[in-house]
Amino acid sequence: MIDLPPPTYEQTIEAIARCDIPTANIRITYEDYLQSDEVTISDLGELTDEKLQCLKAAVHPFYILTLQDEAQRAAFYKFSKREDRPKQRAEAREWLRSKDLLDRLPTFDPKQGIQDFSVALELACGLEPGSALMVREAASLAVRPDFVLGNKFKKSADALYCLTQMFAASDASEHGFDLFFIGNAAYVEEDKK
């Protein structure tokens, strides 16, 4: 496969404009703090799956996309998650199969709840229950910040990857559950409450 250079800013703006997004709403800049080029769009206009698919194709994989409108950003995230889910699930299942872990994959049972599923994930990856995951809100699991800090993270990197692959291969997302990481500052603030 031949690696092609990324499209120019002008080519990218043209591709985004073909998605029925006014060029006046599009800005591309290089951001030092991201170490990447960022496409910022102030307003997408009317949202359709076709427009969101077109936009995703226009910026991926070369640009970071920032949508300034919060509702449009949430809609794009939801669309991308739905579109990417089958591929991510298949890739995760293949990784588990290659490690002879697929038969350990727990099935999410909404009647048992997210806490039981969290324990099942940890056990499937050879971890002590409660050592790596915690329930956040009613529909989310988070990786415990203390699990990924310091030397413990270096020793636990394989286990962390196992957890993320187990979650991706499972059917928990279809039930509206997410797995995410919490920044250390947010974790400390939460503990102070």
N, C-alpha and C. Protein backbone atom coordinates (compact mmCIF):
# COMPACT_ATOMS: atom_id res chain seq x y z
N MET A 1 0.84 -1.17 0.00
CA MET A 1 0.00 0.00 0.00
C MET A 1 0.89 1.24 0.00
N ILE A 2 0.59 2.18 -0.84
CA ILE A 2 1.37 3.42 -0.95
C ILE A 2 0.77 4.46 -0.01
N ASP A 3 1.62 5.05 0.84
CA ASP A 3 1.17 6.12 1.71
C ASP A 3 1.11 7.41 0.91
N LEU A 4 -0.05 8.00 0.87
CA LEU A 4 -0.22 9.27 0.18
C LEU A 4 -0.08 10.41 1.17
N PRO A 5 0.38 11.56 0.70
CA PRO A 5 0.47 12.71 1.62
C PRO A 5 -0.94 13.17 2.00
N PRO A 6 -1.06 13.80 3.15
CA PRO A 6 -2.39 14.30 3.54
C PRO A 6 -2.88 15.36 2.56
N PRO A 7 -4.18 15.51 2.45
CA PRO A 7 -4.69 16.55 1.57
C PRO A 7 -4.31 17.93 2.11
N THR A 8 -4.21 18.89 1.21
CA THR A 8 -3.91 20.27 1.63
C THR A 8 -5.13 20.84 2.35
N TYR A 9 -4.91 21.95 3.02
CA TYR A 9 -6.03 22.63 3.67
C TYR A 9 -7.13 22.95 2.65
N GLU A 10 -6.70 23.44 1.48
CA GLU A 10 -7.67 23.82 0.44
C GLU A 10 -8.46 22.60 -0.03
N GLN A 11 -7.78 21.48 -0.24
CA GLN A 11 -8.48 20.26 -0.67
C GLN A 11 -9.46 19.78 0.41
N THR A 12 -9.06 19.91 1.65
CA THR A 12 -9.92 19.49 2.75
C THR A 12 -11.14 20.39 2.87
N ILE A 13 -10.94 21.69 2.75
CA ILE A 13 -12.07 22.62 2.80
C ILE A 13 -13.04 22.33 1.65
N GLU A 14 -12.52 22.06 0.46
CA GLU A 14 -13.38 21.70 -0.68
C GLU A 14 -14.16 20.42 -0.40
N ALA A 15 -13.49 19.43 0.17
CA ALA A 15 -14.17 18.16 0.48
C ALA A 15 -15.27 18.37 1.51
N ILE A 16 -15.01 19.20 2.52
CA ILE A 16 -16.03 19.48 3.54
C ILE A 16 -17.17 20.28 2.92
N ALA A 17 -16.86 21.23 2.07
CA ALA A 17 -17.90 22.03 1.41
C ALA A 17 -18.82 21.15 0.56
N ARG A 18 -18.27 20.08 -0.04
CA ARG A 18 -19.11 19.15 -0.81
C ARG A 18 -20.12 18.42 0.08
N CYS A 19 -19.95 18.51 1.38
CA CYS A 19 -20.88 17.90 2.34
C CYS A 19 -22.02 18.86 2.68
N ASP A 20 -22.13 19.94 1.91
CA ASP A 20 -23.18 20.96 2.12
C ASP A 20 -22.95 21.72 3.43
N ILE A 21 -21.67 22.04 3.67
CA ILE A 21 -21.28 22.86 4.81
C ILE A 21 -20.62 24.12 4.25
N PRO A 22 -21.15 25.29 4.58
CA PRO A 22 -20.58 26.53 4.03
C PRO A 22 -19.10 26.72 4.39
N THR A 23 -18.31 27.12 3.41
CA THR A 23 -16.87 27.31 3.65
C THR A 23 -16.60 28.37 4.71
N ALA A 24 -17.51 29.33 4.86
CA ALA A 24 -17.33 30.37 5.87
C ALA A 24 -17.36 29.79 7.29
N ASN A 25 -17.92 28.58 7.44
CA ASN A 25 -18.02 27.95 8.76
C ASN A 25 -16.82 27.05 9.08
N ILE A 26 -15.87 26.95 8.14
CA ILE A 26 -14.76 26.01 8.26
C ILE A 26 -13.44 26.76 8.48
N ARG A 27 -12.67 26.29 9.46
CA ARG A 27 -11.34 26.85 9.69
C ARG A 27 -10.39 25.68 9.96
N ILE A 28 -9.20 25.74 9.35
CA ILE A 28 -8.18 24.72 9.61
C ILE A 28 -6.92 25.42 10.09
N THR A 29 -6.39 24.92 11.20
CA THR A 29 -5.16 25.49 11.78
C THR A 29 -4.31 24.36 12.33
N TYR A 30 -3.02 24.63 12.43
CA TYR A 30 -2.14 23.70 13.12
C TYR A 30 -2.11 24.13 14.58
N GLU A 31 -2.38 23.19 15.48
CA GLU A 31 -2.41 23.51 16.91
C GLU A 31 -1.25 22.80 17.61
N ASP A 32 -0.37 23.61 18.19
CA ASP A 32 0.80 23.06 18.89
C ASP A 32 0.39 22.12 20.03
N TYR A 33 -0.64 22.53 20.79
CA TYR A 33 -1.01 21.73 21.95
C TYR A 33 -1.55 20.36 21.54
N LEU A 34 -2.05 20.23 20.32
CA LEU A 34 -2.52 18.95 19.81
C LEU A 34 -1.44 18.24 18.98
N GLN A 35 -0.43 19.01 18.56
CA GLN A 35 0.59 18.50 17.64
C GLN A 35 -0.07 17.92 16.38
N SER A 36 -1.08 18.66 15.90
CA SER A 36 -1.85 18.18 14.76
C SER A 36 -2.61 19.34 14.12
N ASP A 37 -3.07 19.06 12.90
CA ASP A 37 -3.96 20.01 12.23
C ASP A 37 -5.38 19.79 12.74
N GLU A 38 -6.08 20.90 12.96
CA GLU A 38 -7.43 20.84 13.51
C GLU A 38 -8.40 21.53 12.56
N VAL A 39 -9.47 20.83 12.24
CA VAL A 39 -10.58 21.42 11.48
C VAL A 39 -11.61 21.85 12.51
N THR A 40 -11.95 23.13 12.49
CA THR A 40 -12.98 23.66 13.39
C THR A 40 -14.15 24.13 12.53
N ILE A 41 -15.34 23.67 12.88
CA ILE A 41 -16.54 24.05 12.13
C ILE A 41 -17.51 24.68 13.10
N SER A 42 -17.95 25.90 12.77
CA SER A 42 -18.84 26.64 13.66
C SER A 42 -20.27 26.13 13.59
N ASP A 43 -20.73 25.71 12.41
CA ASP A 43 -22.11 25.24 12.27
C ASP A 43 -22.19 24.31 11.05
N LEU A 44 -22.76 23.13 11.26
CA LEU A 44 -22.92 22.17 10.18
C LEU A 44 -24.20 22.39 9.38
N GLY A 45 -25.12 23.16 9.93
CA GLY A 45 -26.43 23.28 9.29
C GLY A 45 -27.27 22.08 9.65
N GLU A 46 -28.21 21.72 8.78
CA GLU A 46 -29.09 20.58 9.03
C GLU A 46 -28.29 19.28 9.06
N LEU A 47 -28.55 18.46 10.06
CA LEU A 47 -27.80 17.22 10.22
C LEU A 47 -28.53 16.05 9.58
N THR A 48 -27.79 15.30 8.78
CA THR A 48 -28.28 14.04 8.23
C THR A 48 -27.14 13.04 8.34
N ASP A 49 -27.48 11.76 8.30
CA ASP A 49 -26.43 10.73 8.33
C ASP A 49 -25.50 10.88 7.13
N GLU A 50 -26.06 11.25 5.98
CA GLU A 50 -25.24 11.42 4.78
C GLU A 50 -24.22 12.54 4.97
N LYS A 51 -24.66 13.65 5.57
CA LYS A 51 -23.75 14.77 5.80
C LYS A 51 -22.65 14.38 6.79
N LEU A 52 -23.03 13.69 7.85
CA LEU A 52 -22.05 13.30 8.85
C LEU A 52 -21.05 12.29 8.28
N GLN A 53 -21.52 11.37 7.44
CA GLN A 53 -20.63 10.41 6.79
C GLN A 53 -19.66 11.13 5.86
N CYS A 54 -20.17 12.08 5.10
CA CYS A 54 -19.35 12.87 4.19
C CYS A 54 -18.27 13.63 4.96
N LEU A 55 -18.67 14.27 6.05
CA LEU A 55 -17.72 15.03 6.88
C LEU A 55 -16.65 14.12 7.46
N LYS A 56 -17.06 12.99 7.96
CA LYS A 56 -16.10 12.04 8.54
C LYS A 56 -15.08 11.62 7.48
N ALA A 57 -15.54 11.32 6.28
CA ALA A 57 -14.64 10.92 5.19
C ALA A 57 -13.71 12.06 4.79
N ALA A 58 -14.19 13.30 4.88
CA ALA A 58 -13.39 14.46 4.47
C ALA A 58 -12.23 14.75 5.42
N VAL A 59 -12.38 14.44 6.70
CA VAL A 59 -11.34 14.79 7.67
C VAL A 59 -10.52 13.60 8.14
N HIS A 60 -11.08 12.42 8.10
CA HIS A 60 -10.39 11.23 8.62
C HIS A 60 -9.40 10.70 7.61
N PRO A 61 -8.22 10.30 7.99
CA PRO A 61 -7.61 10.24 9.32
C PRO A 61 -6.62 11.36 9.58
N PHE A 62 -6.65 12.39 8.76
CA PHE A 62 -5.57 13.38 8.81
C PHE A 62 -5.81 14.55 9.76
N TYR A 63 -7.04 14.79 10.14
CA TYR A 63 -7.35 16.00 10.92
C TYR A 63 -8.11 15.66 12.19
N ILE A 64 -7.89 16.47 13.20
CA ILE A 64 -8.73 16.44 14.40
C ILE A 64 -9.90 17.35 14.11
N LEU A 65 -11.10 16.88 14.39
CA LEU A 65 -12.31 17.64 14.11
C LEU A 65 -12.87 18.22 15.39
N THR A 66 -13.15 19.52 15.38
CA THR A 66 -13.80 20.19 16.50
C THR A 66 -15.06 20.86 15.98
N LEU A 67 -16.19 20.46 16.52
CA LEU A 67 -17.46 21.09 16.18
C LEU A 67 -17.83 22.00 17.33
N GLN A 68 -18.02 23.28 17.04
CA GLN A 68 -18.26 24.25 18.10
C GLN A 68 -19.64 24.15 18.70
N ASP A 69 -20.62 23.72 17.93
CA ASP A 69 -21.98 23.57 18.44
C ASP A 69 -22.07 22.27 19.25
N GLU A 70 -22.44 22.38 20.52
CA GLU A 70 -22.43 21.22 21.41
C GLU A 70 -23.39 20.12 20.94
N ALA A 71 -24.58 20.49 20.50
CA ALA A 71 -25.55 19.50 20.04
C ALA A 71 -25.05 18.79 18.78
N GLN A 72 -24.42 19.53 17.87
CA GLN A 72 -23.87 18.93 16.66
C GLN A 72 -22.68 18.02 16.99
N ARG A 73 -21.88 18.45 17.95
CA ARG A 73 -20.74 17.63 18.38
C ARG A 73 -21.24 16.30 18.96
N ALA A 74 -22.29 16.37 19.79
CA ALA A 74 -22.86 15.15 20.37
C ALA A 74 -23.45 14.26 19.29
N ALA A 75 -24.13 14.85 18.31
CA ALA A 75 -24.72 14.08 17.21
C ALA A 75 -23.63 13.40 16.37
N PHE A 76 -22.53 14.11 16.11
CA PHE A 76 -21.44 13.52 15.33
C PHE A 76 -20.78 12.39 16.10
N TYR A 77 -20.58 12.59 17.40
CA TYR A 77 -19.98 11.54 18.23
C TYR A 77 -20.87 10.30 18.23
N LYS A 78 -22.15 10.50 18.41
CA LYS A 78 -23.09 9.38 18.42
C LYS A 78 -23.09 8.66 17.07
N PHE A 79 -23.08 9.43 15.99
CA PHE A 79 -23.05 8.84 14.65
C PHE A 79 -21.76 8.05 14.44
N SER A 80 -20.62 8.64 14.78
CA SER A 80 -19.33 7.96 14.60
C SER A 80 -19.26 6.68 15.41
N LYS A 81 -19.74 6.75 16.62
CA LYS A 81 -19.74 5.57 17.48
C LYS A 81 -20.58 4.45 16.86
N ARG A 82 -21.75 4.81 16.36
CA ARG A 82 -22.63 3.82 15.74
C ARG A 82 -22.00 3.24 14.47
N GLU A 83 -21.36 4.09 13.67
CA GLU A 83 -20.75 3.66 12.42
C GLU A 83 -19.50 2.80 12.66
N ASP A 84 -18.73 3.14 13.67
CA ASP A 84 -17.47 2.45 13.94
C ASP A 84 -17.65 1.17 14.75
N ARG A 85 -18.75 1.04 15.43
CA ARG A 85 -18.96 -0.06 16.37
C ARG A 85 -18.77 -1.45 15.76
N PRO A 86 -19.37 -1.78 14.61
CA PRO A 86 -19.20 -3.14 14.07
C PRO A 86 -17.73 -3.49 13.78
N LYS A 87 -16.99 -2.53 13.25
CA LYS A 87 -15.57 -2.78 12.95
C LYS A 87 -14.77 -2.97 14.24
N GLN A 88 -15.01 -2.11 15.22
CA GLN A 88 -14.29 -2.21 16.49
C GLN A 88 -14.60 -3.53 17.19
N ARG A 89 -15.86 -3.93 17.15
CA ARG A 89 -16.25 -5.18 17.79
C ARG A 89 -15.56 -6.37 17.11
N ALA A 90 -15.56 -6.38 15.78
CA ALA A 90 -14.91 -7.48 15.04
C ALA A 90 -13.41 -7.52 15.32
N GLU A 91 -12.76 -6.36 15.34
CA GLU A 91 -11.32 -6.31 15.62
C GLU A 91 -11.02 -6.79 17.03
N ALA A 92 -11.86 -6.40 18.00
CA ALA A 92 -11.66 -6.82 19.38
C ALA A 92 -11.85 -8.33 19.52
N ARG A 93 -12.87 -8.86 18.88
CA ARG A 93 -13.11 -10.30 18.93
C ARG A 93 -11.93 -11.07 18.30
N GLU A 94 -11.39 -10.54 17.22
CA GLU A 94 -10.25 -11.19 16.58
C GLU A 94 -9.03 -11.17 17.50
N TRP A 95 -8.80 -10.04 18.19
CA TRP A 95 -7.68 -9.96 19.13
C TRP A 95 -7.86 -10.99 20.24
N LEU A 96 -9.07 -11.07 20.80
CA LEU A 96 -9.34 -12.04 21.87
C LEU A 96 -9.14 -13.47 21.36
N ARG A 97 -9.59 -13.74 20.14
CA ARG A 97 -9.40 -15.07 19.55
C ARG A 97 -7.90 -15.39 19.44
N SER A 98 -7.12 -14.41 19.00
CA SER A 98 -5.67 -14.64 18.81
C SER A 98 -4.96 -14.90 20.14
N LYS A 99 -5.54 -14.46 21.24
CA LYS A 99 -4.95 -14.66 22.57
C LYS A 99 -5.63 -15.80 23.32
N ASP A 100 -6.51 -16.53 22.63
CA ASP A 100 -7.28 -17.62 23.25
C ASP A 100 -8.10 -17.13 24.44
N LEU A 101 -8.66 -15.94 24.31
CA LEU A 101 -9.48 -15.36 25.38
C LEU A 101 -10.95 -15.21 25.00
N LEU A 102 -11.28 -15.50 23.76
CA LEU A 102 -12.65 -15.26 23.30
C LEU A 102 -13.67 -16.05 24.11
N ASP A 103 -13.31 -17.26 24.54
CA ASP A 103 -14.26 -18.07 25.32
C ASP A 103 -14.49 -17.51 26.71
N ARG A 104 -13.67 -16.55 27.14
CA ARG A 104 -13.86 -15.89 28.45
C ARG A 104 -14.76 -14.66 28.36
N LEU A 105 -15.08 -14.23 27.15
CA LEU A 105 -15.85 -13.00 26.95
C LEU A 105 -17.20 -13.08 27.66
N PRO A 106 -17.42 -12.20 28.66
CA PRO A 106 -18.71 -12.23 29.36
C PRO A 106 -19.81 -11.59 28.51
N THR A 107 -21.01 -12.08 28.71
CA THR A 107 -22.19 -11.49 28.06
C THR A 107 -22.80 -10.51 29.04
N PHE A 108 -23.13 -9.33 28.55
CA PHE A 108 -23.74 -8.34 29.42
C PHE A 108 -25.21 -8.69 29.62
N ASP A 109 -25.62 -8.76 30.87
CA ASP A 109 -27.02 -9.03 31.21
C ASP A 109 -27.57 -7.81 31.95
N PRO A 110 -28.46 -7.04 31.30
CA PRO A 110 -28.99 -5.84 31.95
C PRO A 110 -29.65 -6.13 33.31
N LYS A 111 -30.18 -7.35 33.49
CA LYS A 111 -30.83 -7.70 34.76
C LYS A 111 -29.82 -7.80 35.90
N GLN A 112 -28.59 -8.21 35.57
CA GLN A 112 -27.56 -8.30 36.60
C GLN A 112 -26.90 -6.96 36.87
N GLY A 113 -26.81 -6.11 35.85
CA GLY A 113 -26.27 -4.78 36.05
C GLY A 113 -24.81 -4.63 35.70
N ILE A 114 -24.38 -3.39 35.70
CA ILE A 114 -23.05 -3.02 35.26
C ILE A 114 -21.97 -3.46 36.26
N GLN A 115 -22.29 -3.49 37.55
CA GLN A 115 -21.29 -3.90 38.55
C GLN A 115 -20.89 -5.35 38.34
N ASP A 116 -21.86 -6.23 38.14
CA ASP A 116 -21.53 -7.64 37.91
C ASP A 116 -20.74 -7.81 36.61
N PHE A 117 -21.10 -7.03 35.59
CA PHE A 117 -20.38 -7.10 34.33
C PHE A 117 -18.94 -6.62 34.51
N SER A 118 -18.75 -5.59 35.30
CA SER A 118 -17.42 -5.07 35.59
C SER A 118 -16.54 -6.16 36.21
N VAL A 119 -17.08 -6.86 37.18
CA VAL A 119 -16.35 -7.95 37.83
C VAL A 119 -16.03 -9.05 36.83
N ALA A 120 -17.01 -9.40 35.98
CA ALA A 120 -16.80 -10.44 34.98
C ALA A 120 -15.67 -10.06 34.00
N LEU A 121 -15.61 -8.78 33.61
CA LEU A 121 -14.54 -8.32 32.72
C LEU A 121 -13.18 -8.47 33.40
N GLU A 122 -13.09 -8.02 34.64
CA GLU A 122 -11.82 -8.10 35.36
C GLU A 122 -11.38 -9.56 35.53
N LEU A 123 -12.29 -10.42 35.91
CA LEU A 123 -11.95 -11.83 36.08
C LEU A 123 -11.51 -12.45 34.76
N ALA A 124 -12.18 -12.09 33.66
CA ALA A 124 -11.82 -12.63 32.34
C ALA A 124 -10.41 -12.23 31.94
N CYS A 125 -9.92 -11.10 32.46
CA CYS A 125 -8.57 -10.64 32.14
C CYS A 125 -7.57 -10.97 33.24
N GLY A 126 -7.97 -11.80 34.19
CA GLY A 126 -7.05 -12.26 35.23
C GLY A 126 -6.79 -11.24 36.32
N LEU A 127 -7.75 -10.35 36.56
CA LEU A 127 -7.58 -9.31 37.57
C LEU A 127 -8.48 -9.55 38.77
N GLU A 128 -8.11 -8.96 39.89
CA GLU A 128 -8.95 -9.01 41.08
C GLU A 128 -10.17 -8.11 40.86
N PRO A 129 -11.35 -8.54 41.27
CA PRO A 129 -12.54 -7.70 41.13
C PRO A 129 -12.35 -6.35 41.83
N GLY A 130 -12.69 -5.29 41.14
CA GLY A 130 -12.59 -3.93 41.68
C GLY A 130 -11.22 -3.31 41.56
N SER A 131 -10.24 -4.03 41.02
CA SER A 131 -8.88 -3.50 40.95
C SER A 131 -8.65 -2.55 39.78
N ALA A 132 -9.42 -2.68 38.73
CA ALA A 132 -9.15 -1.87 37.53
C ALA A 132 -10.34 -1.03 37.07
N LEU A 133 -11.55 -1.47 37.37
CA LEU A 133 -12.73 -0.77 36.87
C LEU A 133 -13.60 -0.29 38.02
N MET A 134 -14.33 0.78 37.76
CA MET A 134 -15.30 1.26 38.73
C MET A 134 -16.54 1.74 37.98
N VAL A 135 -17.67 1.61 38.61
CA VAL A 135 -18.93 2.06 38.00
C VAL A 135 -19.03 3.56 38.18
N ARG A 136 -19.34 4.23 37.10
CA ARG A 136 -19.53 5.69 37.13
C ARG A 136 -20.90 5.98 36.56
N GLU A 137 -21.68 6.71 37.32
CA GLU A 137 -23.04 7.02 36.92
C GLU A 137 -23.79 5.70 36.73
N ALA A 138 -24.92 5.72 36.12
CA ALA A 138 -25.72 4.50 36.01
C ALA A 138 -25.30 3.63 34.83
N ALA A 139 -24.65 4.22 33.82
CA ALA A 139 -24.42 3.47 32.58
C ALA A 139 -22.98 3.52 32.10
N SER A 140 -22.04 3.60 33.01
CA SER A 140 -20.66 3.72 32.57
C SER A 140 -19.71 2.98 33.49
N LEU A 141 -18.68 2.46 32.87
CA LEU A 141 -17.54 1.93 33.59
C LEU A 141 -16.35 2.83 33.29
N ALA A 142 -15.53 3.03 34.29
CA ALA A 142 -14.32 3.82 34.09
C ALA A 142 -13.12 3.01 34.58
N VAL A 143 -12.00 3.22 33.91
CA VAL A 143 -10.75 2.62 34.37
C VAL A 143 -10.27 3.44 35.56
N ARG A 144 -9.97 2.77 36.63
CA ARG A 144 -9.53 3.45 37.84
C ARG A 144 -8.19 4.15 37.57
N PRO A 145 -8.10 5.45 37.87
CA PRO A 145 -6.84 6.16 37.64
C PRO A 145 -5.67 5.52 38.38
N ASP A 146 -5.89 5.00 39.58
CA ASP A 146 -4.78 4.38 40.31
C ASP A 146 -4.30 3.10 39.63
N PHE A 147 -5.13 2.51 38.77
CA PHE A 147 -4.71 1.32 38.03
C PHE A 147 -3.69 1.66 36.95
N VAL A 148 -3.76 2.87 36.43
CA VAL A 148 -2.89 3.25 35.31
C VAL A 148 -1.72 4.15 35.72
N LEU A 149 -1.53 4.38 37.00
CA LEU A 149 -0.45 5.25 37.45
C LEU A 149 0.85 4.49 37.68
N GLY A 150 1.94 5.15 37.36
CA GLY A 150 3.28 4.67 37.70
C GLY A 150 3.63 3.30 37.18
N ASN A 151 4.45 2.60 37.95
CA ASN A 151 4.92 1.28 37.56
C ASN A 151 3.80 0.27 37.44
N LYS A 152 2.76 0.48 38.22
CA LYS A 152 1.63 -0.44 38.16
C LYS A 152 1.06 -0.49 36.75
N PHE A 153 1.00 0.66 36.08
CA PHE A 153 0.49 0.69 34.71
C PHE A 153 1.39 -0.11 33.78
N LYS A 154 2.70 0.06 33.91
CA LYS A 154 3.62 -0.68 33.03
C LYS A 154 3.40 -2.18 33.17
N LYS A 155 3.19 -2.63 34.39
CA LYS A 155 2.95 -4.05 34.63
C LYS A 155 1.55 -4.46 34.20
N SER A 156 0.63 -3.52 34.17
CA SER A 156 -0.77 -3.84 33.89
C SER A 156 -1.22 -3.46 32.48
N ALA A 157 -0.30 -3.03 31.62
CA ALA A 157 -0.69 -2.56 30.29
C ALA A 157 -1.42 -3.65 29.50
N ASP A 158 -0.94 -4.88 29.57
CA ASP A 158 -1.61 -5.97 28.87
C ASP A 158 -3.01 -6.20 29.42
N ALA A 159 -3.15 -6.13 30.74
CA ALA A 159 -4.46 -6.31 31.36
C ALA A 159 -5.41 -5.19 30.96
N LEU A 160 -4.90 -3.97 30.89
CA LEU A 160 -5.73 -2.84 30.47
C LEU A 160 -6.20 -3.03 29.03
N TYR A 161 -5.29 -3.46 28.18
CA TYR A 161 -5.67 -3.70 26.78
C TYR A 161 -6.70 -4.83 26.71
N CYS A 162 -6.52 -5.86 27.51
CA CYS A 162 -7.49 -6.95 27.57
C CYS A 162 -8.86 -6.41 27.96
N LEU A 163 -8.92 -5.57 28.99
CA LEU A 163 -10.20 -5.01 29.43
C LEU A 163 -10.88 -4.21 28.32
N THR A 164 -10.11 -3.36 27.64
CA THR A 164 -10.72 -2.54 26.59
C THR A 164 -11.19 -3.41 25.43
N GLN A 165 -10.45 -4.47 25.11
CA GLN A 165 -10.86 -5.37 24.03
C GLN A 165 -12.07 -6.21 24.45
N MET A 166 -12.10 -6.66 25.69
CA MET A 166 -13.26 -7.40 26.19
C MET A 166 -14.51 -6.54 26.12
N PHE A 167 -14.38 -5.29 26.55
CA PHE A 167 -15.54 -4.39 26.53
C PHE A 167 -15.98 -4.15 25.09
N ALA A 168 -15.02 -3.88 24.20
CA ALA A 168 -15.36 -3.60 22.80
C ALA A 168 -16.00 -4.81 22.13
N ALA A 169 -15.58 -6.00 22.50
CA ALA A 169 -16.12 -7.22 21.89
C ALA A 169 -17.48 -7.60 22.46
N SER A 170 -17.80 -7.06 23.62
CA SER A 170 -19.05 -7.41 24.29
C SER A 170 -20.24 -6.68 23.66
N ASP A 171 -21.39 -6.97 24.21
CA ASP A 171 -22.61 -6.31 23.74
C ASP A 171 -23.07 -5.19 24.68
N ALA A 172 -22.20 -4.76 25.59
CA ALA A 172 -22.57 -3.73 26.56
C ALA A 172 -22.93 -2.40 25.89
N SER A 173 -22.22 -2.03 24.84
CA SER A 173 -22.52 -0.77 24.15
C SER A 173 -23.92 -0.78 23.56
N GLU A 174 -24.37 -1.94 23.10
CA GLU A 174 -25.72 -2.04 22.54
C GLU A 174 -26.79 -1.78 23.59
N HIS A 175 -26.41 -1.90 24.85
CA HIS A 175 -27.33 -1.61 25.95
C HIS A 175 -27.11 -0.20 26.51
N GLY A 176 -26.28 0.60 25.82
CA GLY A 176 -26.08 1.99 26.21
C GLY A 176 -24.98 2.22 27.23
N PHE A 177 -24.11 1.23 27.44
CA PHE A 177 -23.04 1.38 28.41
C PHE A 177 -21.74 1.77 27.73
N ASP A 178 -20.90 2.52 28.44
CA ASP A 178 -19.62 3.00 27.93
C ASP A 178 -18.50 2.64 28.89
N LEU A 179 -17.30 2.59 28.34
CA LEU A 179 -16.07 2.44 29.13
C LEU A 179 -15.22 3.66 28.82
N PHE A 180 -14.75 4.34 29.87
CA PHE A 180 -13.94 5.53 29.63
C PHE A 180 -12.85 5.67 30.68
N PHE A 181 -11.95 6.60 30.41
CA PHE A 181 -10.86 6.92 31.34
C PHE A 181 -11.19 8.24 32.01
N ILE A 182 -10.79 8.38 33.26
CA ILE A 182 -11.01 9.61 34.01
C ILE A 182 -9.67 10.28 34.20
N GLY A 183 -9.61 11.58 33.95
CA GLY A 183 -8.38 12.33 34.22
C GLY A 183 -8.11 12.36 35.72
N ASN A 184 -6.86 12.40 36.08
CA ASN A 184 -6.49 12.38 37.49
C ASN A 184 -7.11 13.52 38.28
N ALA A 185 -7.18 14.72 37.68
CA ALA A 185 -7.74 15.87 38.38
C ALA A 185 -9.21 15.65 38.70
N ALA A 186 -9.96 15.11 37.75
CA ALA A 186 -11.38 14.84 37.97
C ALA A 186 -11.56 13.79 39.06
N TYR A 187 -10.68 12.81 39.08
CA TYR A 187 -10.76 11.73 40.06
C TYR A 187 -10.52 12.31 41.46
N VAL A 188 -9.53 13.19 41.60
CA VAL A 188 -9.23 13.80 42.90
C VAL A 188 -10.40 14.66 43.34
N GLU A 189 -10.98 15.44 42.41
CA GLU A 189 -12.12 16.29 42.75
C GLU A 189 -13.30 15.43 43.21
N GLU A 190 -13.55 14.34 42.57
CA GLU A 190 -14.65 13.44 42.92
C GLU A 190 -14.44 12.88 44.34
N ASP A 191 -13.20 12.54 44.68
CA ASP A 191 -12.90 12.00 46.00
C ASP A 191 -13.11 13.02 47.11
N LYS A 192 -12.98 14.32 46.80
CA LYS A 192 -13.13 15.37 47.79
C LYS A 192 -14.59 15.59 48.18
N LYS A 193 -15.51 15.14 47.34
CA LYS A 193 -16.95 15.36 47.60
C LYS A 193 -17.44 14.51 48.75
